Amino acid sequence: MMNKGNGGEDFTYILYKMFLEKINIKEDDLDNKTIAHIKKQCEKAKLNFSNNKIISVKCNISDNIYESSIHIDDYRKSCELILSKLRKPIEKSLKDSKTRLSEIDEIILVGGGTKLPIIRKFVGKIFGRVPNISINPDEAVVRGVALQCAIKERDKYIKEVVLTDVCPFSLGIEISIEHRGNIRKDGYFTPIIERNTVIPVSRTERFYTTYDNQNRVLVQGCTKNIRENIELLLIIF
């Protein structure tokens, strides 16, 4: 089972599972504090893959020291599933933007997870060239967050800066449709903001109540494939 985190945390979780398997300890036999300690040590050890093919994970578990070595080739094999999941959004982004690989000037990696050699090599295979790793991947993320916050706060020093993005999913609400014989069925998706729409964006759509004199409406937001657990109850006067 994959970790419920994302990005670099998923790769740490794989190393964590490999370590437990090597020392022959089951996760169910560990308390939360010990699990957190092992994951922290795995996170530190994972960074050593940047300069070494073999890393060592060492942990204190129930006053006993456990240590195990892991080769990057074995780690790469264990990461094949998550790496294959990274390929689809990359290819989809290229297809949606109608961009050919030859039109891309440079591949720049940002985010702490891109420090891993297996990710750099994976990206290099997809794009057919060595990615640019001269930029500090952690600092790039922090700078982006700071810039986004400044834009939200309408900072006067960046009033000329405009950031745009696209909506990755079609966003809309669930509606009901009347069929023949006055049979009404729920569960139909109506998009309000289509996928790949440039954001920020504003949309206004008009919907009607199902029955006359209806005084309450349940609005359930969802994407095309996922119904979110967010419900709004509107009182109509």
C-alpha atoms as a PDB file:
ATOM      1  CA  MET A   1       0.000   0.000   0.000  1.00  0.00           C
ATOM      2  CA  MET A   2       1.374   3.397  -0.968  1.00  0.00           C
ATOM      3  CA  ASN A   3       1.878   6.057   1.626  1.00  0.00           C
ATOM      4  CA  LYS A   4      -0.881   8.655   1.887  1.00  0.00           C
ATOM      5  CA  GLY A   5       1.658  11.405   1.440  1.00  0.00           C
ATOM      6  CA  ASN A   6       2.865  12.659  -1.903  1.00  0.00           C
ATOM      7  CA  GLY A   7       5.984  13.421  -3.866  1.00  0.00           C
ATOM      8  CA  GLY A   8       9.181  12.741  -1.919  1.00  0.00           C
ATOM      9  CA  GLU A   9       7.212  11.163   0.924  1.00  0.00           C
ATOM     10  CA  ASP A  10       6.145   8.321  -1.349  1.00  0.00           C
ATOM     11  CA  PHE A  11       9.762   7.541  -2.207  1.00  0.00           C
ATOM     12  CA  THR A  12      10.679   7.665   1.476  1.00  0.00           C
ATOM     13  CA  TYR A  13       7.848   5.269   2.253  1.00  0.00           C
ATOM     14  CA  ILE A  14       9.208   2.757  -0.271  1.00  0.00           C
ATOM     15  CA  LEU A  15      12.625   2.889   1.403  1.00  0.00           C
ATOM     16  CA  TYR A  16      10.923   2.502   4.780  1.00  0.00           C
ATOM     17  CA  LYS A  17       9.121  -0.668   3.645  1.00  0.00           C
ATOM     18  CA  MET A  18      12.343  -2.080   2.170  1.00  0.00           C
ATOM     19  CA  PHE A  19      14.168  -1.485   5.459  1.00  0.00           C
ATOM     20  CA  LEU A  20      11.477  -3.238   7.515  1.00  0.00           C
ATOM     21  CA  GLU A  21      11.588  -6.191   5.155  1.00  0.00           C
ATOM     22  CA  LYS A  22      15.375  -6.456   5.411  1.00  0.00           C
ATOM     23  CA  ILE A  23      15.390  -6.418   9.217  1.00  0.00           C
ATOM     24  CA  ASN A  24      12.365  -8.742   9.288  1.00  0.00           C
ATOM     25  CA  ILE A  25      10.077  -6.530  11.364  1.00  0.00           C
ATOM     26  CA  LYS A  26       6.366  -6.015  10.676  1.00  0.00           C
ATOM     27  CA  GLU A  27       4.898  -2.544  10.738  1.00  0.00           C
ATOM     28  CA  ASP A  28       1.947  -3.760  12.845  1.00  0.00           C
ATOM     29  CA  ASP A  29       4.381  -4.558  15.669  1.00  0.00           C
ATOM     30  CA  LEU A  30       5.604  -0.957  15.876  1.00  0.00           C
ATOM     31  CA  ASP A  31       4.109   2.024  17.675  1.00  0.00           C
ATOM     32  CA  ASN A  32       3.591   5.387  15.989  1.00  0.00           C
ATOM     33  CA  LYS A  33       6.649   6.965  17.618  1.00  0.00           C
ATOM     34  CA  THR A  34       8.927   4.199  16.358  1.00  0.00           C
ATOM     35  CA  ILE A  35       7.417   4.344  12.882  1.00  0.00           C
ATOM     36  CA  ALA A  36       8.027   8.107  12.756  1.00  0.00           C
ATOM     37  CA  HIS A  37      11.637   7.561  13.874  1.00  0.00           C
ATOM     38  CA  ILE A  38      12.295   4.947  11.169  1.00  0.00           C
ATOM     39  CA  LYS A  39      10.761   7.121   8.458  1.00  0.00           C
ATOM     40  CA  LYS A  40      12.883  10.063   9.563  1.00  0.00           C
ATOM     41  CA  GLN A  41      16.041   7.950   9.335  1.00  0.00           C
ATOM     42  CA  CYS A  42      14.964   6.667   5.920  1.00  0.00           C
ATOM     43  CA  GLU A  43      14.447  10.238   4.739  1.00  0.00           C
ATOM     44  CA  LYS A  44      17.983  11.132   5.793  1.00  0.00           C
ATOM     45  CA  ALA A  45      19.438   7.994   4.219  1.00  0.00           C
ATOM     46  CA  LYS A  46      17.539   8.571   0.969  1.00  0.00           C
ATOM     47  CA  LEU A  47      19.425  11.828   0.399  1.00  0.00           C
ATOM     48  CA  ASN A  48      22.679   9.872   0.276  1.00  0.00           C
ATOM     49  CA  PHE A  49      21.599   8.266  -2.994  1.00  0.00           C
ATOM     50  CA  SER A  50      22.645  11.530  -4.637  1.00  0.00           C
ATOM     51  CA  ASN A  51      26.311  10.594  -4.206  1.00  0.00           C
ATOM     52  CA  ASN A  52      26.303   6.883  -3.389  1.00  0.00           C
ATOM     53  CA  LYS A  53      24.986   3.701  -4.991  1.00  0.00           C
ATOM     54  CA  ILE A  54      24.689   1.990  -1.628  1.00  0.00           C
ATOM     55  CA  ILE A  55      23.204   3.651   1.440  1.00  0.00           C
ATOM     56  CA  SER A  56      22.817   2.506   5.027  1.00  0.00           C
ATOM     57  CA  VAL A  57      19.715   2.896   7.188  1.00  0.00           C
ATOM     58  CA  LYS A  58      20.305   2.697  10.936  1.00  0.00           C
ATOM     59  CA  CYS A  59      17.560   2.836  13.565  1.00  0.00           C
ATOM     60  CA  ASN A  60      17.066   2.299  17.276  1.00  0.00           C
ATOM     61  CA  ILE A  61      14.039   0.048  17.731  1.00  0.00           C
ATOM     62  CA  SER A  62      13.077  -1.005  21.257  1.00  0.00           C
ATOM     63  CA  ASP A  63      16.617  -0.273  22.494  1.00  0.00           C
ATOM     64  CA  ASN A  64      18.110  -2.455  19.765  1.00  0.00           C
ATOM     65  CA  ILE A  65      20.165  -1.079  16.882  1.00  0.00           C
ATOM     66  CA  TYR A  66      19.119  -2.268  13.428  1.00  0.00           C
ATOM     67  CA  GLU A  67      21.146  -1.428  10.358  1.00  0.00           C
ATOM     68  CA  SER A  68      20.775  -2.459   6.740  1.00  0.00           C
ATOM     69  CA  SER A  69      22.346  -1.500   3.399  1.00  0.00           C
ATOM     70  CA  ILE A  70      20.250  -0.858   0.294  1.00  0.00           C
ATOM     71  CA  HIS A  71      21.578  -0.697  -3.270  1.00  0.00           C
ATOM     72  CA  ILE A  72      20.176   1.931  -5.607  1.00  0.00           C
ATOM     73  CA  ASP A  73      19.332  -0.715  -8.241  1.00  0.00           C
ATOM     74  CA  ASP A  74      17.110  -2.560  -5.757  1.00  0.00           C
ATOM     75  CA  TYR A  75      15.570   0.733  -4.718  1.00  0.00           C
ATOM     76  CA  ARG A  76      14.901   1.645  -8.353  1.00  0.00           C
ATOM     77  CA  LYS A  77      13.070  -1.648  -8.922  1.00  0.00           C
ATOM     78  CA  SER A  78      10.881  -1.010  -5.888  1.00  0.00           C
ATOM     79  CA  CYS A  79      10.058   2.463  -7.231  1.00  0.00           C
ATOM     80  CA  GLU A  80       9.013   1.269 -10.706  1.00  0.00           C
ATOM     81  CA  LEU A  81       5.294   1.493  -9.940  1.00  0.00           C
ATOM     82  CA  ILE A  82       5.375   5.064  -8.674  1.00  0.00           C
ATOM     83  CA  LEU A  83       7.687   6.113 -11.510  1.00  0.00           C
ATOM     84  CA  SER A  84       5.249   4.685 -14.057  1.00  0.00           C
ATOM     85  CA  LYS A  85       2.513   6.809 -12.472  1.00  0.00           C
ATOM     86  CA  LEU A  86       4.647   9.910 -13.029  1.00  0.00           C
ATOM     87  CA  ARG A  87       4.845   9.232 -16.763  1.00  0.00           C
ATOM     88  CA  LYS A  88       1.114   9.597 -17.471  1.00  0.00           C
ATOM     89  CA  PRO A  89       0.606  13.201 -16.242  1.00  0.00           C
ATOM     90  CA  ILE A  90       3.778  14.299 -18.048  1.00  0.00           C
ATOM     91  CA  GLU A  91       2.641  12.793 -21.339  1.00  0.00           C
ATOM     92  CA  LYS A  92      -0.883  14.123 -20.826  1.00  0.00           C
ATOM     93  CA  SER A  93       0.404  17.641 -20.172  1.00  0.00           C
ATOM     94  CA  LEU A  94       2.431  17.562 -23.376  1.00  0.00           C
ATOM     95  CA  LYS A  95      -0.567  16.284 -25.327  1.00  0.00           C
ATOM     96  CA  ASP A  96      -2.997  18.827 -23.867  1.00  0.00           C
ATOM     97  CA  SER A  97      -0.626  21.707 -24.539  1.00  0.00           C
ATOM     98  CA  LYS A  98       0.062  20.366 -28.057  1.00  0.00           C
ATOM     99  CA  THR A  99       3.768  20.698 -27.377  1.00  0.00           C
ATOM    100  CA  ARG A 100       6.376  18.527 -29.058  1.00  0.00           C
ATOM    101  CA  LEU A 101       9.531  17.500 -27.250  1.00  0.00           C
ATOM    102  CA  SER A 102      11.614  19.327 -29.843  1.00  0.00           C
ATOM    103  CA  GLU A 103       9.865  22.594 -28.922  1.00  0.00           C
ATOM    104  CA  ILE A 104      11.002  22.447 -25.288  1.00  0.00           C
ATOM    105  CA  ASP A 105      14.187  24.410 -24.698  1.00  0.00           C
ATOM    106  CA  GLU A 106      15.132  23.025 -21.301  1.00  0.00           C
ATOM    107  CA  ILE A 107      13.926  20.644 -18.598  1.00  0.00           C
ATOM    108  CA  ILE A 108      14.230  22.136 -15.105  1.00  0.00           C
ATOM    109  CA  LEU A 109      13.585  19.981 -12.046  1.00  0.00           C
ATOM    110  CA  VAL A 110      12.200  21.538  -8.854  1.00  0.00           C
ATOM    111  CA  GLY A 111      11.099  20.003  -5.590  1.00  0.00           C
ATOM    112  CA  GLY A 112      13.114  17.994  -3.073  1.00  0.00           C
ATOM    113  CA  GLY A 113      12.179  14.661  -4.661  1.00  0.00           C
ATOM    114  CA  THR A 114      14.075  15.553  -7.842  1.00  0.00           C
ATOM    115  CA  LYS A 115      17.366  15.192  -5.976  1.00  0.00           C
ATOM    116  CA  LEU A 116      17.022  11.438  -6.381  1.00  0.00           C
ATOM    117  CA  PRO A 117      19.140  10.095  -9.263  1.00  0.00           C
ATOM    118  CA  ILE A 118      16.389   7.644 -10.239  1.00  0.00           C
ATOM    119  CA  ILE A 119      13.983  10.538 -10.865  1.00  0.00           C
ATOM    120  CA  ARG A 120      16.524  12.542 -12.839  1.00  0.00           C
ATOM    121  CA  LYS A 121      17.315   9.515 -14.967  1.00  0.00           C
ATOM    122  CA  PHE A 122      13.623   8.756 -15.430  1.00  0.00           C
ATOM    123  CA  VAL A 123      12.853  12.306 -16.587  1.00  0.00           C
ATOM    124  CA  GLY A 124      15.881  12.243 -18.870  1.00  0.00           C
ATOM    125  CA  LYS A 125      14.556   9.126 -20.620  1.00  0.00           C
ATOM    126  CA  ILE A 126      11.130  10.686 -21.184  1.00  0.00           C
ATOM    127  CA  PHE A 127      12.470  13.902 -22.704  1.00  0.00           C
ATOM    128  CA  GLY A 128      15.540  12.420 -24.345  1.00  0.00           C
ATOM    129  CA  ARG A 129      17.972  14.824 -22.706  1.00  0.00           C
ATOM    130  CA  VAL A 130      19.681  15.491 -19.394  1.00  0.00           C
ATOM    131  CA  PRO A 131      17.539  17.764 -17.185  1.00  0.00           C
ATOM    132  CA  ASN A 132      18.900  20.995 -15.751  1.00  0.00           C
ATOM    133  CA  ILE A 133      19.806  20.441 -12.089  1.00  0.00           C
ATOM    134  CA  SER A 134      21.785  23.642 -11.551  1.00  0.00           C
ATOM    135  CA  ILE A 135      18.882  25.269  -9.694  1.00  0.00           C
ATOM    136  CA  ASN A 136      18.365  24.418  -6.015  1.00  0.00           C
ATOM    137  CA  PRO A 137      15.110  22.369  -6.169  1.00  0.00           C
ATOM    138  CA  ASP A 138      14.028  23.241  -2.617  1.00  0.00           C
ATOM    139  CA  GLU A 139      14.762  26.943  -3.009  1.00  0.00           C
ATOM    140  CA  ALA A 140      12.823  27.060  -6.278  1.00  0.00           C
ATOM    141  CA  VAL A 141       9.684  25.787  -4.525  1.00  0.00           C
ATOM    142  CA  VAL A 142      10.062  28.266  -1.663  1.00  0.00           C
ATOM    143  CA  ARG A 143      10.553  31.158  -4.076  1.00  0.00           C
ATOM    144  CA  GLY A 144       7.421  30.116  -5.942  1.00  0.00           C
ATOM    145  CA  VAL A 145       5.374  29.982  -2.755  1.00  0.00           C
ATOM    146  CA  ALA A 146       6.682  33.382  -1.671  1.00  0.00           C
ATOM    147  CA  LEU A 147       5.807  34.876  -5.041  1.00  0.00           C
ATOM    148  CA  GLN A 148       2.314  33.392  -4.932  1.00  0.00           C
ATOM    149  CA  CYS A 149       1.746  34.785  -1.428  1.00  0.00           C
ATOM    150  CA  ALA A 150       2.928  38.214  -2.535  1.00  0.00           C
ATOM    151  CA  ILE A 151       0.484  38.142  -5.443  1.00  0.00           C
ATOM    152  CA  LYS A 152      -2.356  37.169  -3.101  1.00  0.00           C
ATOM    153  CA  GLU A 153      -1.445  40.065  -0.827  1.00  0.00           C
ATOM    154  CA  ARG A 154      -1.231  42.414  -3.841  1.00  0.00           C
ATOM    155  CA  ASP A 155       2.313  43.411  -2.906  1.00  0.00           C
ATOM    156  CA  LYS A 156       3.236  46.647  -4.684  1.00  0.00           C
ATOM    157  CA  TYR A 157       6.727  45.370  -5.558  1.00  0.00           C
ATOM    158  CA  ILE A 158       5.398  42.661  -7.853  1.00  0.00           C
ATOM    159  CA  LYS A 159       2.353  44.375  -9.284  1.00  0.00           C
ATOM    160  CA  GLU A 160       3.657  43.727 -12.800  1.00  0.00           C
ATOM    161  CA  VAL A 161       3.987  39.959 -12.207  1.00  0.00           C
ATOM    162  CA  VAL A 162       1.175  37.725 -13.466  1.00  0.00           C
ATOM    163  CA  LEU A 163       1.080  33.986 -12.822  1.00  0.00           C
ATOM    164  CA  THR A 164      -1.242  31.717 -14.746  1.00  0.00           C
ATOM    165  CA  ASP A 165      -1.985  28.013 -14.558  1.00  0.00           C
ATOM    166  CA  VAL A 166      -4.522  25.605 -15.984  1.00  0.00           C
ATOM    167  CA  CYS A 167      -7.221  23.658 -14.183  1.00  0.00           C
ATOM    168  CA  PRO A 168      -6.135  19.971 -14.210  1.00  0.00           C
ATOM    169  CA  PHE A 169      -9.699  18.625 -13.940  1.00  0.00           C
ATOM    170  CA  SER A 170     -13.132  19.574 -15.159  1.00  0.00           C
ATOM    171  CA  LEU A 171     -14.947  21.014 -12.138  1.00  0.00           C
ATOM    172  CA  GLY A 172     -18.697  21.015 -11.760  1.00  0.00           C
ATOM    173  CA  ILE A 173     -21.632  19.764  -9.741  1.00  0.00           C
ATOM    174  CA  GLU A 174     -23.881  16.747  -9.620  1.00  0.00           C
ATOM    175  CA  ILE A 175     -27.368  17.222 -11.092  1.00  0.00           C
ATOM    176  CA  SER A 176     -30.451  15.108 -11.750  1.00  0.00           C
ATOM    177  CA  ILE A 177     -32.050  14.629 -15.163  1.00  0.00           C
ATOM    178  CA  GLU A 178     -35.671  13.834 -15.990  1.00  0.00           C
ATOM    179  CA  HIS A 179     -36.209  10.895 -18.349  1.00  0.00           C
ATOM    180  CA  ARG A 180     -39.286   9.621 -20.084  1.00  0.00           C
ATOM    181  CA  GLY A 181     -42.205   8.820 -17.851  1.00  0.00           C
ATOM    182  CA  ASN A 182     -41.284  11.589 -15.413  1.00  0.00           C
ATOM    183  CA  ILE A 183     -38.509   9.396 -14.036  1.00  0.00           C
ATOM    184  CA  ARG A 184     -35.749  11.471 -12.511  1.00  0.00           C
ATOM    185  CA  LYS A 185     -32.233  10.100 -11.996  1.00  0.00           C
ATOM    186  CA  ASP A 186     -29.416  11.610  -9.966  1.00  0.00           C
ATOM    187  CA  GLY A 187     -25.658  11.342 -10.380  1.00  0.00           C
ATOM    188  CA  TYR A 188     -25.085  13.236 -13.642  1.00  0.00           C
ATOM    189  CA  PHE A 189     -22.021  15.459 -13.879  1.00  0.00           C
ATOM    190  CA  THR A 190     -22.296  18.958 -15.313  1.00  0.00           C
ATOM    191  CA  PRO A 191     -18.973  20.762 -15.868  1.00  0.00           C
ATOM    192  CA  ILE A 192     -18.711  24.431 -14.949  1.00  0.00           C
ATOM    193  CA  ILE A 193     -14.980  24.911 -15.447  1.00  0.00           C
ATOM    194  CA  GLU A 194     -13.569  22.687 -18.178  1.00  0.00           C
ATOM    195  CA  ARG A 195     -10.223  20.952 -17.857  1.00  0.00           C
ATOM    196  CA  ASN A 196      -7.264  22.992 -19.166  1.00  0.00           C
ATOM    197  CA  THR A 197      -9.065  26.293 -18.575  1.00  0.00           C
ATOM    198  CA  VAL A 198      -6.525  29.006 -17.720  1.00  0.00           C
ATOM    199  CA  ILE A 199      -6.845  30.024 -14.076  1.00  0.00           C
ATOM    200  CA  PRO A 200      -7.601  32.156 -12.166  1.00  0.00           C
ATOM    201  CA  VAL A 201     -11.044  32.115 -13.786  1.00  0.00           C
ATOM    202  CA  SER A 202     -14.638  32.931 -12.912  1.00  0.00           C
ATOM    203  CA  ARG A 203     -17.711  31.130 -14.239  1.00  0.00           C
ATOM    204  CA  THR A 204     -21.421  31.660 -13.682  1.00  0.00           C
ATOM    205  CA  GLU A 205     -23.985  28.978 -14.487  1.00  0.00           C
ATOM    206  CA  ARG A 206     -27.725  28.885 -13.838  1.00  0.00           C
ATOM    207  CA  PHE A 207     -29.409  25.792 -12.399  1.00  0.00           C
ATOM    208  CA  TYR A 208     -33.019  25.147 -11.487  1.00  0.00           C
ATOM    209  CA  THR A 209     -34.757  23.297  -8.695  1.00  0.00           C
ATOM    210  CA  THR A 210     -36.048  19.799  -9.371  1.00  0.00           C
ATOM    211  CA  TYR A 211     -39.607  20.451  -8.215  1.00  0.00           C
ATOM    212  CA  ASP A 212     -41.903  23.445  -7.886  1.00  0.00           C
ATOM    213  CA  ASN A 213     -41.929  25.126  -4.483  1.00  0.00           C
ATOM    214  CA  GLN A 214     -38.685  23.398  -3.546  1.00  0.00           C
ATOM    215  CA  ASN A 215     -37.016  25.354  -0.728  1.00  0.00           C
ATOM    216  CA  ARG A 216     -33.758  23.446  -0.217  1.00  0.00           C
ATOM    217  CA  VAL A 217     -30.957  22.486  -2.637  1.00  0.00           C
ATOM    218  CA  LEU A 218     -28.087  20.109  -1.942  1.00  0.00           C
ATOM    219  CA  VAL A 219     -25.035  21.155  -3.974  1.00  0.00           C
ATOM    220  CA  GLN A 220     -22.312  18.527  -4.247  1.00  0.00           C
ATOM    221  CA  GLY A 221     -19.113  19.610  -5.942  1.00  0.00           C
ATOM    222  CA  CYS A 222     -17.181  17.048  -7.971  1.00  0.00           C
ATOM    223  CA  THR A 223     -14.768  16.477 -10.815  1.00  0.00           C
ATOM    224  CA  LYS A 224     -15.609  14.345 -13.811  1.00  0.00           C
ATOM    225  CA  ASN A 225     -14.412  11.161 -12.125  1.00  0.00           C
ATOM    226  CA  ILE A 226     -14.349  11.988  -8.420  1.00  0.00           C
ATOM    227  CA  ARG A 227     -17.210  13.114  -6.203  1.00  0.00           C
ATOM    228  CA  GLU A 228     -15.822  15.235  -3.383  1.00  0.00           C
ATOM    229  CA  ASN A 229     -17.103  14.930   0.150  1.00  0.00           C
ATOM    230  CA  ILE A 230     -18.056  18.578   0.233  1.00  0.00           C
ATOM    231  CA  GLU A 231     -21.714  19.450   0.490  1.00  0.00           C
ATOM    232  CA  LEU A 232     -23.454  22.811   0.705  1.00  0.00           C
ATOM    233  CA  LEU A 233     -26.998  23.289   1.875  1.00  0.00           C
ATOM    234  CA  LEU A 234     -28.593  26.376   0.347  1.00  0.00           C
ATOM    235  CA  ILE A 235     -31.755  27.876   1.778  1.00  0.00           C
ATOM    236  CA  ILE A 236     -33.841  29.438  -0.990  1.00  0.00           C
ATOM    237  CA  PHE A 237     -36.343  32.152  -0.120  1.00  0.00           C
END
